[in-house]
Amino acid sequence: MKVTLEKIEGEIIKDNETYILEDNNFLEHMTLSRTFLKPGQSTRGHSHHAQEEVYIFTQGEGTMQIDETKYDAKPGDTFLIRSGQFHRVFNLSETEPCAFTCVFEKYDRSGFDAIYKNN
């Protein structure tokens, strides 16, 4: 299957006031996920005990937080997240969406694989 970072050919799994989340689960063990973070919003932030992730920014500008460090994020920026690292994305624009594509090992999003902090 051929896809692009902007068009991952997935299924919308969440669409709310914060973001639109699309997952492509074509592979048996990996998920390709795309998030459209709406203006002025941020993800909830989470970590995983035994899972690494790759975040690739494709649209807009924002801030990527990994543990306590915050980085500017713009299209083409790629972030490598180690197991156990807390990560969160902020869209600082009040008018433009921020979009990023993630690659990670499949996990049960409704289970306890992601550990969320109180923000």
PDB file of N, CA and C in Angstrom:
ATOM      1  N   MET A   1       0.855  -1.171   0.000  1.00  0.00           N
ATOM      2  CA  MET A   1       0.000   0.000   0.000  1.00  0.00           C
ATOM      3  C   MET A   1       0.900   1.232   0.000  1.00  0.00           C
ATOM      4  N   LYS A   2       0.568   2.187  -0.843  1.00  0.00           N
ATOM      5  CA  LYS A   2       1.300   3.451  -0.888  1.00  0.00           C
ATOM      6  C   LYS A   2       0.415   4.556  -0.328  1.00  0.00           C
ATOM      7  N   VAL A   3       0.999   5.357   0.577  1.00  0.00           N
ATOM      8  CA  VAL A   3       0.302   6.495   1.166  1.00  0.00           C
ATOM      9  C   VAL A   3       1.276   7.667   1.213  1.00  0.00           C
ATOM     10  N   THR A   4       0.773   8.839   1.616  1.00  0.00           N
ATOM     11  CA  THR A   4       1.640   9.988   1.864  1.00  0.00           C
ATOM     12  C   THR A   4       1.442  10.426   3.306  1.00  0.00           C
ATOM     13  N   LEU A   5       2.328  11.257   3.797  1.00  0.00           N
ATOM     14  CA  LEU A   5       2.193  11.751   5.163  1.00  0.00           C
ATOM     15  C   LEU A   5       0.934  12.594   5.334  1.00  0.00           C
ATOM     16  N   GLU A   6       0.474  13.219   4.245  1.00  0.00           N
ATOM     17  CA  GLU A   6      -0.718  14.060   4.295  1.00  0.00           C
ATOM     18  C   GLU A   6      -2.004  13.285   4.034  1.00  0.00           C
ATOM     19  N   LYS A   7      -1.897  12.159   3.366  1.00  0.00           N
ATOM     20  CA  LYS A   7      -3.077  11.359   3.022  1.00  0.00           C
ATOM     21  C   LYS A   7      -2.755   9.898   3.334  1.00  0.00           C
ATOM     22  N   ILE A   8      -3.108   9.469   4.561  1.00  0.00           N
ATOM     23  CA  ILE A   8      -2.683   8.144   5.020  1.00  0.00           C
ATOM     24  C   ILE A   8      -3.681   7.037   4.688  1.00  0.00           C
ATOM     25  N   GLU A   9      -4.812   7.391   4.079  1.00  0.00           N
ATOM     26  CA  GLU A   9      -5.818   6.397   3.660  1.00  0.00           C
ATOM     27  C   GLU A   9      -6.359   5.613   4.846  1.00  0.00           C
ATOM     28  N   GLY A  10      -6.621   6.309   5.944  1.00  0.00           N
ATOM     29  CA  GLY A  10      -7.119   5.649   7.142  1.00  0.00           C
ATOM     30  C   GLY A  10      -8.591   5.884   7.387  1.00  0.00           C
ATOM     31  N   GLU A  11      -9.001   5.561   8.581  1.00  0.00           N
ATOM     32  CA  GLU A  11     -10.385   5.695   9.022  1.00  0.00           C
ATOM     33  C   GLU A  11     -10.431   6.717  10.167  1.00  0.00           C
ATOM     34  N   ILE A  12     -11.393   7.644  10.100  1.00  0.00           N
ATOM     35  CA  ILE A  12     -11.565   8.622  11.176  1.00  0.00           C
ATOM     36  C   ILE A  12     -12.050   7.868  12.411  1.00  0.00           C
ATOM     37  N   ILE A  13     -11.287   7.964  13.502  1.00  0.00           N
ATOM     38  CA  ILE A  13     -11.699   7.271  14.719  1.00  0.00           C
ATOM     39  C   ILE A  13     -12.153   8.231  15.802  1.00  0.00           C
ATOM     40  N   LYS A  14     -11.848   9.526  15.627  1.00  0.00           N
ATOM     41  CA  LYS A  14     -12.311  10.519  16.590  1.00  0.00           C
ATOM     42  C   LYS A  14     -12.381  11.870  15.888  1.00  0.00           C
ATOM     43  N   ASP A  15     -13.481  12.584  16.111  1.00  0.00           N
ATOM     44  CA  ASP A  15     -13.655  13.927  15.564  1.00  0.00           C
ATOM     45  C   ASP A  15     -14.400  14.736  16.618  1.00  0.00           C
ATOM     46  N   ASN A  16     -13.666  15.605  17.317  1.00  0.00           N
ATOM     47  CA  ASN A  16     -14.285  16.396  18.380  1.00  0.00           C
ATOM     48  C   ASN A  16     -13.811  17.842  18.314  1.00  0.00           C
ATOM     49  N   GLU A  17     -14.056  18.620  19.344  1.00  0.00           N
ATOM     50  CA  GLU A  17     -13.697  20.039  19.335  1.00  0.00           C
ATOM     51  C   GLU A  17     -12.184  20.260  19.403  1.00  0.00           C
ATOM     52  N   THR A  18     -11.411  19.229  19.758  1.00  0.00           N
ATOM     53  CA  THR A  18      -9.962  19.351  19.884  1.00  0.00           C
ATOM     54  C   THR A  18      -9.232  18.932  18.614  1.00  0.00           C
ATOM     55  N   TYR A  19      -9.612  17.780  18.065  1.00  0.00           N
ATOM     56  CA  TYR A  19      -8.880  17.265  16.907  1.00  0.00           C
ATOM     57  C   TYR A  19      -9.700  16.254  16.111  1.00  0.00           C
ATOM     58  N   ILE A  20      -9.161  15.952  14.923  1.00  0.00           N
ATOM     59  CA  ILE A  20      -9.651  14.846  14.100  1.00  0.00           C
ATOM     60  C   ILE A  20      -8.517  13.833  14.076  1.00  0.00           C
ATOM     61  N   LEU A  21      -8.819  12.590  14.409  1.00  0.00           N
ATOM     62  CA  LEU A  21      -7.814  11.538  14.487  1.00  0.00           C
ATOM     63  C   LEU A  21      -8.156  10.452  13.473  1.00  0.00           C
ATOM     64  N   GLU A  22      -7.190  10.129  12.627  1.00  0.00           N
ATOM     65  CA  GLU A  22      -7.365   9.134  11.565  1.00  0.00           C
ATOM     66  C   GLU A  22      -6.291   8.066  11.713  1.00  0.00           C
ATOM     67  N   ASP A  23      -6.677   6.796  11.683  1.00  0.00           N
ATOM     68  CA  ASP A  23      -5.728   5.683  11.785  1.00  0.00           C
ATOM     69  C   ASP A  23      -5.782   4.801  10.547  1.00  0.00           C
ATOM     70  N   ASN A  24      -4.608   4.414  10.065  1.00  0.00           N
ATOM     71  CA  ASN A  24      -4.476   3.413   9.026  1.00  0.00           C
ATOM     72  C   ASN A  24      -3.902   2.176   9.696  1.00  0.00           C
ATOM     73  N   ASN A  25      -4.690   1.111   9.762  1.00  0.00           N
ATOM     74  CA  ASN A  25      -4.281  -0.138  10.415  1.00  0.00           C
ATOM     75  C   ASN A  25      -4.055  -1.260   9.403  1.00  0.00           C
ATOM     76  N   PHE A  26      -3.578  -0.896   8.223  1.00  0.00           N
ATOM     77  CA  PHE A  26      -3.302  -1.867   7.170  1.00  0.00           C
ATOM     78  C   PHE A  26      -2.270  -2.902   7.611  1.00  0.00           C
ATOM     79  N   LEU A  27      -1.251  -2.460   8.343  1.00  0.00           N
ATOM     80  CA  LEU A  27      -0.206  -3.375   8.805  1.00  0.00           C
ATOM     81  C   LEU A  27      -0.671  -4.158  10.027  1.00  0.00           C
ATOM     82  N   GLU A  28      -0.078  -5.308  10.223  1.00  0.00           N
ATOM     83  CA  GLU A  28      -0.474  -6.172  11.331  1.00  0.00           C
ATOM     84  C   GLU A  28      -0.016  -5.641  12.692  1.00  0.00           C
ATOM     85  N   HIS A  29       1.183  -5.047  12.741  1.00  0.00           N
ATOM     86  CA  HIS A  29       1.756  -4.666  14.028  1.00  0.00           C
ATOM     87  C   HIS A  29       1.967  -3.161  14.221  1.00  0.00           C
ATOM     88  N   MET A  30       1.823  -2.383  13.170  1.00  0.00           N
ATOM     89  CA  MET A  30       2.091  -0.943  13.239  1.00  0.00           C
ATOM     90  C   MET A  30       0.840  -0.150  12.844  1.00  0.00           C
ATOM     91  N   THR A  31       0.714   1.048  13.424  1.00  0.00           N
ATOM     92  CA  THR A  31      -0.357   1.970  13.068  1.00  0.00           C
ATOM     93  C   THR A  31       0.270   3.233  12.493  1.00  0.00           C
ATOM     94  N   LEU A  32      -0.313   3.727  11.423  1.00  0.00           N
ATOM     95  CA  LEU A  32       0.024   5.030  10.873  1.00  0.00           C
ATOM     96  C   LEU A  32      -1.155   5.923  11.228  1.00  0.00           C
ATOM     97  N   SER A  33      -0.911   6.981  11.966  1.00  0.00           N
ATOM     98  CA  SER A  33      -1.985   7.807  12.492  1.00  0.00           C
ATOM     99  C   SER A  33      -1.753   9.259  12.102  1.00  0.00           C
ATOM    100  N   ARG A  34      -2.836   9.972  11.801  1.00  0.00           N
ATOM    101  CA  ARG A  34      -2.735  11.390  11.433  1.00  0.00           C
ATOM    102  C   ARG A  34      -3.680  12.182  12.317  1.00  0.00           C
ATOM    103  N   THR A  35      -3.162  13.268  12.889  1.00  0.00           N
ATOM    104  CA  THR A  35      -3.950  14.124  13.766  1.00  0.00           C
ATOM    105  C   THR A  35      -4.023  15.523  13.184  1.00  0.00           C
ATOM    106  N   PHE A  36      -5.237  16.063  13.084  1.00  0.00           N
ATOM    107  CA  PHE A  36      -5.477  17.460  12.721  1.00  0.00           C
ATOM    108  C   PHE A  36      -5.867  18.165  14.015  1.00  0.00           C
ATOM    109  N   LEU A  37      -4.929  18.878  14.589  1.00  0.00           N
ATOM    110  CA  LEU A  37      -5.149  19.567  15.855  1.00  0.00           C
ATOM    111  C   LEU A  37      -5.747  20.941  15.552  1.00  0.00           C
ATOM    112  N   LYS A  38      -6.934  21.182  16.040  1.00  0.00           N
ATOM    113  CA  LYS A  38      -7.669  22.403  15.715  1.00  0.00           C
ATOM    114  C   LYS A  38      -7.005  23.631  16.354  1.00  0.00           C
ATOM    115  N   PRO A  39      -7.257  24.827  15.789  1.00  0.00           N
ATOM    116  CA  PRO A  39      -6.621  26.051  16.279  1.00  0.00           C
ATOM    117  C   PRO A  39      -6.800  26.257  17.782  1.00  0.00           C
ATOM    118  N   GLY A  40      -5.693  26.627  18.440  1.00  0.00           N
ATOM    119  CA  GLY A  40      -5.726  26.919  19.861  1.00  0.00           C
ATOM    120  C   GLY A  40      -5.858  25.720  20.781  1.00  0.00           C
ATOM    121  N   GLN A  41      -5.774  24.517  20.249  1.00  0.00           N
ATOM    122  CA  GLN A  41      -5.983  23.303  21.039  1.00  0.00           C
ATOM    123  C   GLN A  41      -4.660  22.584  21.324  1.00  0.00           C
ATOM    124  N   SER A  42      -4.716  21.620  22.236  1.00  0.00           N
ATOM    125  CA  SER A  42      -3.565  20.765  22.514  1.00  0.00           C
ATOM    126  C   SER A  42      -4.052  19.336  22.735  1.00  0.00           C
ATOM    127  N   THR A  43      -3.152  18.396  22.468  1.00  0.00           N
ATOM    128  CA  THR A  43      -3.483  17.010  22.779  1.00  0.00           C
ATOM    129  C   THR A  43      -3.437  16.847  24.289  1.00  0.00           C
ATOM    130  N   ARG A  44      -3.995  15.770  24.771  1.00  0.00           N
ATOM    131  CA  ARG A  44      -4.028  15.508  26.212  1.00  0.00           C
ATOM    132  C   ARG A  44      -2.639  15.189  26.757  1.00  0.00           C
ATOM    133  N   GLY A  45      -1.827  14.564  25.947  1.00  0.00           N
ATOM    134  CA  GLY A  45      -0.495  14.155  26.362  1.00  0.00           C
ATOM    135  C   GLY A  45      -0.530  12.806  27.047  1.00  0.00           C
ATOM    136  N   HIS A  46       0.484  11.989  26.780  1.00  0.00           N
ATOM    137  CA  HIS A  46       0.537  10.656  27.368  1.00  0.00           C
ATOM    138  C   HIS A  46       1.942  10.086  27.220  1.00  0.00           C
ATOM    139  N   SER A  47       2.144   8.927  27.799  1.00  0.00           N
ATOM    140  CA  SER A  47       3.383   8.169  27.638  1.00  0.00           C
ATOM    141  C   SER A  47       3.011   6.696  27.525  1.00  0.00           C
ATOM    142  N   HIS A  48       3.994   5.893  27.159  1.00  0.00           N
ATOM    143  CA  HIS A  48       3.816   4.439  27.056  1.00  0.00           C
ATOM    144  C   HIS A  48       5.007   3.777  27.733  1.00  0.00           C
ATOM    145  N   HIS A  49       4.766   2.739  28.514  1.00  0.00           N
ATOM    146  CA  HIS A  49       5.858   2.046  29.205  1.00  0.00           C
ATOM    147  C   HIS A  49       6.800   1.331  28.238  1.00  0.00           C
ATOM    148  N   ALA A  50       6.264   0.739  27.196  1.00  0.00           N
ATOM    149  CA  ALA A  50       7.102  -0.093  26.331  1.00  0.00           C
ATOM    150  C   ALA A  50       6.820   0.161  24.853  1.00  0.00           C
ATOM    151  N   GLN A  51       6.727   1.428  24.487  1.00  0.00           N
ATOM    152  CA  GLN A  51       6.438   1.740  23.091  1.00  0.00           C
ATOM    153  C   GLN A  51       7.107   3.035  22.679  1.00  0.00           C
ATOM    154  N   GLU A  52       7.749   3.006  21.529  1.00  0.00           N
ATOM    155  CA  GLU A  52       8.347   4.198  20.950  1.00  0.00           C
ATOM    156  C   GLU A  52       7.404   4.747  19.878  1.00  0.00           C
ATOM    157  N   GLU A  53       7.564   6.037  19.560  1.00  0.00           N
ATOM    158  CA  GLU A  53       6.735   6.658  18.529  1.00  0.00           C
ATOM    159  C   GLU A  53       7.573   7.626  17.706  1.00  0.00           C
ATOM    160  N   VAL A  54       7.115   7.868  16.487  1.00  0.00           N
ATOM    161  CA  VAL A  54       7.701   8.875  15.616  1.00  0.00           C
ATOM    162  C   VAL A  54       6.589   9.841  15.241  1.00  0.00           C
ATOM    163  N   TYR A  55       6.807  11.143  15.459  1.00  0.00           N
ATOM    164  CA  TYR A  55       5.861  12.199  15.093  1.00  0.00           C
ATOM    165  C   TYR A  55       6.478  13.019  13.969  1.00  0.00           C
ATOM    166  N   ILE A  56       5.752  13.200  12.863  1.00  0.00           N
ATOM    167  CA  ILE A  56       6.221  13.985  11.722  1.00  0.00           C
ATOM    168  C   ILE A  56       5.206  15.094  11.470  1.00  0.00           C
ATOM    169  N   PHE A  57       5.626  16.336  11.624  1.00  0.00           N
ATOM    170  CA  PHE A  57       4.724  17.464  11.424  1.00  0.00           C
ATOM    171  C   PHE A  57       4.595  17.768   9.936  1.00  0.00           C
ATOM    172  N   THR A  58       3.347  18.001   9.494  1.00  0.00           N
ATOM    173  CA  THR A  58       3.079  18.177   8.067  1.00  0.00           C
ATOM    174  C   THR A  58       2.354  19.471   7.726  1.00  0.00           C
ATOM    175  N   GLN A  59       1.765  20.135   8.706  1.00  0.00           N
ATOM    176  CA  GLN A  59       0.979  21.343   8.425  1.00  0.00           C
ATOM    177  C   GLN A  59       0.944  22.239   9.658  1.00  0.00           C
ATOM    178  N   GLY A  60       1.012  23.564   9.444  1.00  0.00           N
ATOM    179  CA  GLY A  60       0.904  24.514  10.533  1.00  0.00           C
ATOM    180  C   GLY A  60       2.148  24.523  11.407  1.00  0.00           C
ATOM    181  N   GLU A  61       2.042  25.227  12.517  1.00  0.00           N
ATOM    182  CA  GLU A  61       3.144  25.304  13.457  1.00  0.00           C
ATOM    183  C   GLU A  61       2.623  25.093  14.868  1.00  0.00           C
ATOM    184  N   GLY A  62       3.435  24.493  15.694  1.00  0.00           N
ATOM    185  CA  GLY A  62       3.019  24.237  17.064  1.00  0.00           C
ATOM    186  C   GLY A  62       4.204  24.020  17.969  1.00  0.00           C
ATOM    187  N   THR A  63       3.931  23.387  19.085  1.00  0.00           N
ATOM    188  CA  THR A  63       4.962  23.046  20.064  1.00  0.00           C
ATOM    189  C   THR A  63       4.836  21.561  20.382  1.00  0.00           C
ATOM    190  N   MET A  64       5.963  20.872  20.348  1.00  0.00           N
ATOM    191  CA  MET A  64       6.021  19.459  20.721  1.00  0.00           C
ATOM    192  C   MET A  64       6.702  19.383  22.078  1.00  0.00           C
ATOM    193  N   GLN A  65       5.994  18.839  23.065  1.00  0.00           N
ATOM    194  CA  GLN A  65       6.578  18.643  24.390  1.00  0.00           C
ATOM    195  C   GLN A  65       6.962  17.184  24.537  1.00  0.00           C
ATOM    196  N   ILE A  66       8.220  16.951  24.924  1.00  0.00           N
ATOM    197  CA  ILE A  66       8.705  15.611  25.242  1.00  0.00           C
ATOM    198  C   ILE A  66       9.296  15.704  26.640  1.00  0.00           C
ATOM    199  N   ASP A  67       8.663  15.000  27.582  1.00  0.00           N
ATOM    200  CA  ASP A  67       8.966  15.151  29.002  1.00  0.00           C
ATOM    201  C   ASP A  67       8.814  16.634  29.342  1.00  0.00           C
ATOM    202  N   GLU A  68       9.822  17.273  29.890  1.00  0.00           N
ATOM    203  CA  GLU A  68       9.697  18.681  30.295  1.00  0.00           C
ATOM    204  C   GLU A  68      10.205  19.657  29.230  1.00  0.00           C
ATOM    205  N   THR A  69      10.745  19.141  28.126  1.00  0.00           N
ATOM    206  CA  THR A  69      11.312  19.995  27.088  1.00  0.00           C
ATOM    207  C   THR A  69      10.276  20.286  26.010  1.00  0.00           C
ATOM    208  N   LYS A  70      10.198  21.570  25.614  1.00  0.00           N
ATOM    209  CA  LYS A  70       9.279  21.965  24.546  1.00  0.00           C
ATOM    210  C   LYS A  70      10.086  22.428  23.340  1.00  0.00           C
ATOM    211  N   TYR A  71       9.660  21.943  22.144  1.00  0.00           N
ATOM    212  CA  TYR A  71      10.336  22.255  20.893  1.00  0.00           C
ATOM    213  C   TYR A  71       9.358  22.952  19.951  1.00  0.00           C
ATOM    214  N   ASP A  72       9.860  23.923  19.161  1.00  0.00           N
ATOM    215  CA  ASP A  72       9.059  24.464  18.073  1.00  0.00           C
ATOM    216  C   ASP A  72       8.866  23.348  17.055  1.00  0.00           C
ATOM    217  N   ALA A  73       7.683  23.304  16.449  1.00  0.00           N
ATOM    218  CA  ALA A  73       7.383  22.252  15.472  1.00  0.00           C
ATOM    219  C   ALA A  73       6.761  22.883  14.236  1.00  0.00           C
ATOM    220  N   LYS A  74       7.325  22.547  13.062  1.00  0.00           N
ATOM    221  CA  LYS A  74       6.807  23.045  11.794  1.00  0.00           C
ATOM    222  C   LYS A  74       6.872  21.906  10.773  1.00  0.00           C
ATOM    223  N   PRO A  75       6.233  22.062   9.606  1.00  0.00           N
ATOM    224  CA  PRO A  75       6.233  20.984   8.619  1.00  0.00           C
ATOM    225  C   PRO A  75       7.647  20.486   8.310  1.00  0.00           C
ATOM    226  N   GLY A  76       7.783  19.181   8.332  1.00  0.00           N
ATOM    227  CA  GLY A  76       9.057  18.526   8.078  1.00  0.00           C
ATOM    228  C   GLY A  76       9.800  18.142   9.351  1.00  0.00           C
ATOM    229  N   ASP A  77       9.460  18.770  10.476  1.00  0.00           N
ATOM    230  CA  ASP A  77      10.111  18.404  11.731  1.00  0.00           C
ATOM    231  C   ASP A  77       9.651  17.020  12.174  1.00  0.00           C
ATOM    232  N   THR A  78      10.614  16.216  12.613  1.00  0.00           N
ATOM    233  CA  THR A  78      10.336  14.846  13.027  1.00  0.00           C
ATOM    234  C   THR A  78      10.878  14.647  14.440  1.00  0.00           C
ATOM    235  N   PHE A  79      10.043  14.038  15.285  1.00  0.00           N
ATOM    236  CA  PHE A  79      10.405  13.830  16.689  1.00  0.00           C
ATOM    237  C   PHE A  79      10.394  12.342  17.000  1.00  0.00           C
ATOM    238  N   LEU A  80      11.452  11.870  17.631  1.00  0.00           N
ATOM    239  CA  LEU A  80      11.590  10.475  18.023  1.00  0.00           C
ATOM    240  C   LEU A  80      11.336  10.398  19.526  1.00  0.00           C
ATOM    241  N   ILE A  81      10.364   9.599  19.906  1.00  0.00           N
ATOM    242  CA  ILE A  81       9.936   9.537  21.305  1.00  0.00           C
ATOM    243  C   ILE A  81      10.239   8.146  21.854  1.00  0.00           C
ATOM    244  N   ARG A  82      11.031   8.104  22.892  1.00  0.00           N
ATOM    245  CA  ARG A  82      11.420   6.843  23.526  1.00  0.00           C
ATOM    246  C   ARG A  82      10.312   6.326  24.436  1.00  0.00           C
ATOM    247  N   SER A  83      10.361   5.040  24.722  1.00  0.00           N
ATOM    248  CA  SER A  83       9.435   4.437  25.680  1.00  0.00           C
ATOM    249  C   SER A  83       9.504   5.190  26.990  1.00  0.00           C
ATOM    250  N   GLY A  84       8.344   5.457  27.572  1.00  0.00           N
ATOM    251  CA  GLY A  84       8.270   6.112  28.864  1.00  0.00           C
ATOM    252  C   GLY A  84       8.289   7.628  28.818  1.00  0.00           C
ATOM    253  N   GLN A  85       8.593   8.229  27.665  1.00  0.00           N
ATOM    254  CA  GLN A  85       8.625   9.688  27.601  1.00  0.00           C
ATOM    255  C   GLN A  85       7.219  10.253  27.421  1.00  0.00           C
ATOM    256  N   PHE A  86       6.870  11.218  28.266  1.00  0.00           N
ATOM    257  CA  PHE A  86       5.603  11.934  28.128  1.00  0.00           C
ATOM    258  C   PHE A  86       5.702  12.815  26.885  1.00  0.00           C
ATOM    259  N   HIS A  87       4.620  12.861  26.087  1.00  0.00           N
ATOM    260  CA  HIS A  87       4.626  13.705  24.900  1.00  0.00           C
ATOM    261  C   HIS A  87       3.252  14.328  24.680  1.00  0.00           C
ATOM    262  N   ARG A  88       3.286  15.564  24.190  1.00  0.00           N
ATOM    263  CA  ARG A  88       2.069  16.350  24.003  1.00  0.00           C
ATOM    264  C   ARG A  88       2.323  17.395  22.925  1.00  0.00           C
ATOM    265  N   VAL A  89       1.273  17.726  22.147  1.00  0.00           N
ATOM    266  CA  VAL A  89       1.391  18.719  21.088  1.00  0.00           C
ATOM    267  C   VAL A  89       0.437  19.876  21.368  1.00  0.00           C
ATOM    268  N   PHE A  90       0.932  21.099  21.154  1.00  0.00           N
ATOM    269  CA  PHE A  90       0.141  22.320  21.311  1.00  0.00           C
ATOM    270  C   PHE A  90       0.064  23.024  19.963  1.00  0.00           C
ATOM    271  N   ASN A  91      -1.140  23.425  19.556  1.00  0.00           N
ATOM    272  CA  ASN A  91      -1.300  24.280  18.387  1.00  0.00           C
ATOM    273  C   ASN A  91      -1.454  25.701  18.914  1.00  0.00           C
ATOM    274  N   LEU A  92      -0.466  26.534  18.689  1.00  0.00           N
ATOM    275  CA  LEU A  92      -0.468  27.882  19.225  1.00  0.00           C
ATOM    276  C   LEU A  92      -1.243  28.868  18.350  1.00  0.00           C
ATOM    277  N   SER A  93      -1.573  28.462  17.131  1.00  0.00           N
ATOM    278  CA  SER A  93      -2.333  29.343  16.235  1.00  0.00           C
ATOM    279  C   SER A  93      -3.802  29.361  16.627  1.00  0.00           C
ATOM    280  N   GLU A  94      -4.397  30.523  16.583  1.00  0.00           N
ATOM    281  CA  GLU A  94      -5.834  30.654  16.854  1.00  0.00           C
ATOM    282  C   GLU A  94      -6.664  30.547  15.578  1.00  0.00           C
ATOM    283  N   THR A  95      -5.992  30.430  14.410  1.00  0.00           N
ATOM    284  CA  THR A  95      -6.722  30.407  13.140  1.00  0.00           C
ATOM    285  C   THR A  95      -6.400  29.213  12.244  1.00  0.00           C
ATOM    286  N   GLU A  96      -5.235  28.615  12.395  1.00  0.00           N
ATOM    287  CA  GLU A  96      -4.807  27.548  11.494  1.00  0.00           C
ATOM    288  C   GLU A  96      -4.669  26.208  12.224  1.00  0.00           C
ATOM    289  N   PRO A  97      -5.051  25.111  11.570  1.00  0.00           N
ATOM    290  CA  PRO A  97      -4.832  23.797  12.180  1.00  0.00           C
ATOM    291  C   PRO A  97      -3.347  23.427  12.147  1.00  0.00           C
ATOM    292  N   CYS A  98      -2.983  22.489  12.969  1.00  0.00           N
ATOM    293  CA  CYS A  98      -1.642  21.912  12.997  1.00  0.00           C
ATOM    294  C   CYS A  98      -1.842  20.412  12.762  1.00  0.00           C
ATOM    295  N   ALA A  99      -1.067  19.834  11.864  1.00  0.00           N
ATOM    296  CA  ALA A  99      -1.256  18.412  11.562  1.00  0.00           C
ATOM    297  C   ALA A  99       0.066  17.669  11.676  1.00  0.00           C
ATOM    298  N   PHE A 100      -0.031  16.426  12.154  1.00  0.00           N
ATOM    299  CA  PHE A 100       1.145  15.575  12.262  1.00  0.00           C
ATOM    300  C   PHE A 100       0.736  14.131  12.037  1.00  0.00           C
ATOM    301  N   THR A 101       1.692  13.362  11.517  1.00  0.00           N
ATOM    302  CA  THR A 101       1.500  11.940  11.266  1.00  0.00           C
ATOM    303  C   THR A 101       2.411  11.183  12.221  1.00  0.00           C
ATOM    304  N   CYS A 102       1.885  10.116  12.828  1.00  0.00           N
ATOM    305  CA  CYS A 102       2.631   9.316  13.799  1.00  0.00           C
ATOM    306  C   CYS A 102       2.740   7.877  13.325  1.00  0.00           C
ATOM    307  N   VAL A 103       3.813   7.244  13.724  1.00  0.00           N
ATOM    308  CA  VAL A 103       4.018   5.819  13.471  1.00  0.00           C
ATOM    309  C   VAL A 103       4.314   5.169  14.818  1.00  0.00           C
ATOM    310  N   PHE A 104       3.570   4.088  15.108  1.00  0.00           N
ATOM    311  CA  PHE A 104       3.774   3.404  16.382  1.00  0.00           C
ATOM    312  C   PHE A 104       3.249   1.976  16.302  1.00  0.00           C
ATOM    313  N   GLU A 105       3.711   1.148  17.241  1.00  0.00           N
ATOM    314  CA  GLU A 105       3.228  -0.221  17.346  1.00  0.00           C
ATOM    315  C   GLU A 105       1.774  -0.185  17.802  1.00  0.00           C
ATOM    316  N   LYS A 106       0.941  -1.020  17.205  1.00  0.00           N
ATOM    317  CA  LYS A 106      -0.484  -1.036  17.557  1.00  0.00           C
ATOM    318  C   LYS A 106      -0.678  -1.281  19.040  1.00  0.00           C
ATOM    319  N   TYR A 107      -1.681  -0.588  19.595  1.00  0.00           N
ATOM    320  CA  TYR A 107      -2.073  -0.821  20.982  1.00  0.00           C
ATOM    321  C   TYR A 107      -3.554  -0.527  21.116  1.00  0.00           C
ATOM    322  N   ASP A 108      -4.130  -0.987  22.197  1.00  0.00           N
ATOM    323  CA  ASP A 108      -5.551  -0.787  22.471  1.00  0.00           C
ATOM    324  C   ASP A 108      -5.744   0.620  23.017  1.00  0.00           C
ATOM    325  N   ARG A 109      -6.268   1.530  22.190  1.00  0.00           N
ATOM    326  CA  ARG A 109      -6.447   2.921  22.610  1.00  0.00           C
ATOM    327  C   ARG A 109      -7.433   3.049  23.774  1.00  0.00           C
ATOM    328  N   SER A 110      -8.321   2.074  23.920  1.00  0.00           N
ATOM    329  CA  SER A 110      -9.296   2.152  25.010  1.00  0.00           C
ATOM    330  C   SER A 110      -8.792   1.468  26.281  1.00  0.00           C
ATOM    331  N   GLY A 111      -7.622   0.848  26.187  1.00  0.00           N
ATOM    332  CA  GLY A 111      -7.078   0.128  27.339  1.00  0.00           C
ATOM    333  C   GLY A 111      -6.160   0.997  28.179  1.00  0.00           C
ATOM    334  N   PHE A 112      -5.170   0.363  28.791  1.00  0.00           N
ATOM    335  CA  PHE A 112      -4.274   1.048  29.723  1.00  0.00           C
ATOM    336  C   PHE A 112      -2.857   1.172  29.176  1.00  0.00           C
ATOM    337  N   ASP A 113      -2.691   1.021  27.864  1.00  0.00           N
ATOM    338  CA  ASP A 113      -1.352   1.105  27.261  1.00  0.00           C
ATOM    339  C   ASP A 113      -0.806   2.518  27.254  1.00  0.00           C
ATOM    340  N   ALA A 114      -1.673   3.523  27.183  1.00  0.00           N
ATOM    341  CA  ALA A 114      -1.239   4.924  27.237  1.00  0.00           C
ATOM    342  C   ALA A 114      -1.510   5.435  28.650  1.00  0.00           C
ATOM    343  N   ILE A 115      -0.520   6.113  29.216  1.00  0.00           N
ATOM    344  CA  ILE A 115      -0.647   6.643  30.563  1.00  0.00           C
ATOM    345  C   ILE A 115      -0.816   8.159  30.456  1.00  0.00           C
ATOM    346  N   TYR A 116      -1.942   8.663  30.930  1.00  0.00           N
ATOM    347  CA  TYR A 116      -2.256  10.079  30.830  1.00  0.00           C
ATOM    348  C   TYR A 116      -1.965  10.762  32.152  1.00  0.00           C
ATOM    349  N   LYS A 117      -1.464  11.995  32.074  1.00  0.00           N
ATOM    350  CA  LYS A 117      -1.222  12.821  33.251  1.00  0.00           C
ATOM    351  C   LYS A 117      -2.388  13.775  33.421  1.00  0.00           C
ATOM    352  N   ASN A 118      -2.592  14.240  34.625  1.00  0.00           N
ATOM    353  CA  ASN A 118      -3.546  15.335  34.831  1.00  0.00           C
ATOM    354  C   ASN A 118      -2.870  16.606  34.350  1.00  0.00           C
ATOM    355  N   ASN A 119      -3.560  17.349  33.483  1.00  0.00           N
ATOM    356  CA  ASN A 119      -2.932  18.549  32.898  1.00  0.00           C
ATOM    357  C   ASN A 119      -3.224  19.723  33.748  1.00  0.00           C
TER     358      ASN A 119
END
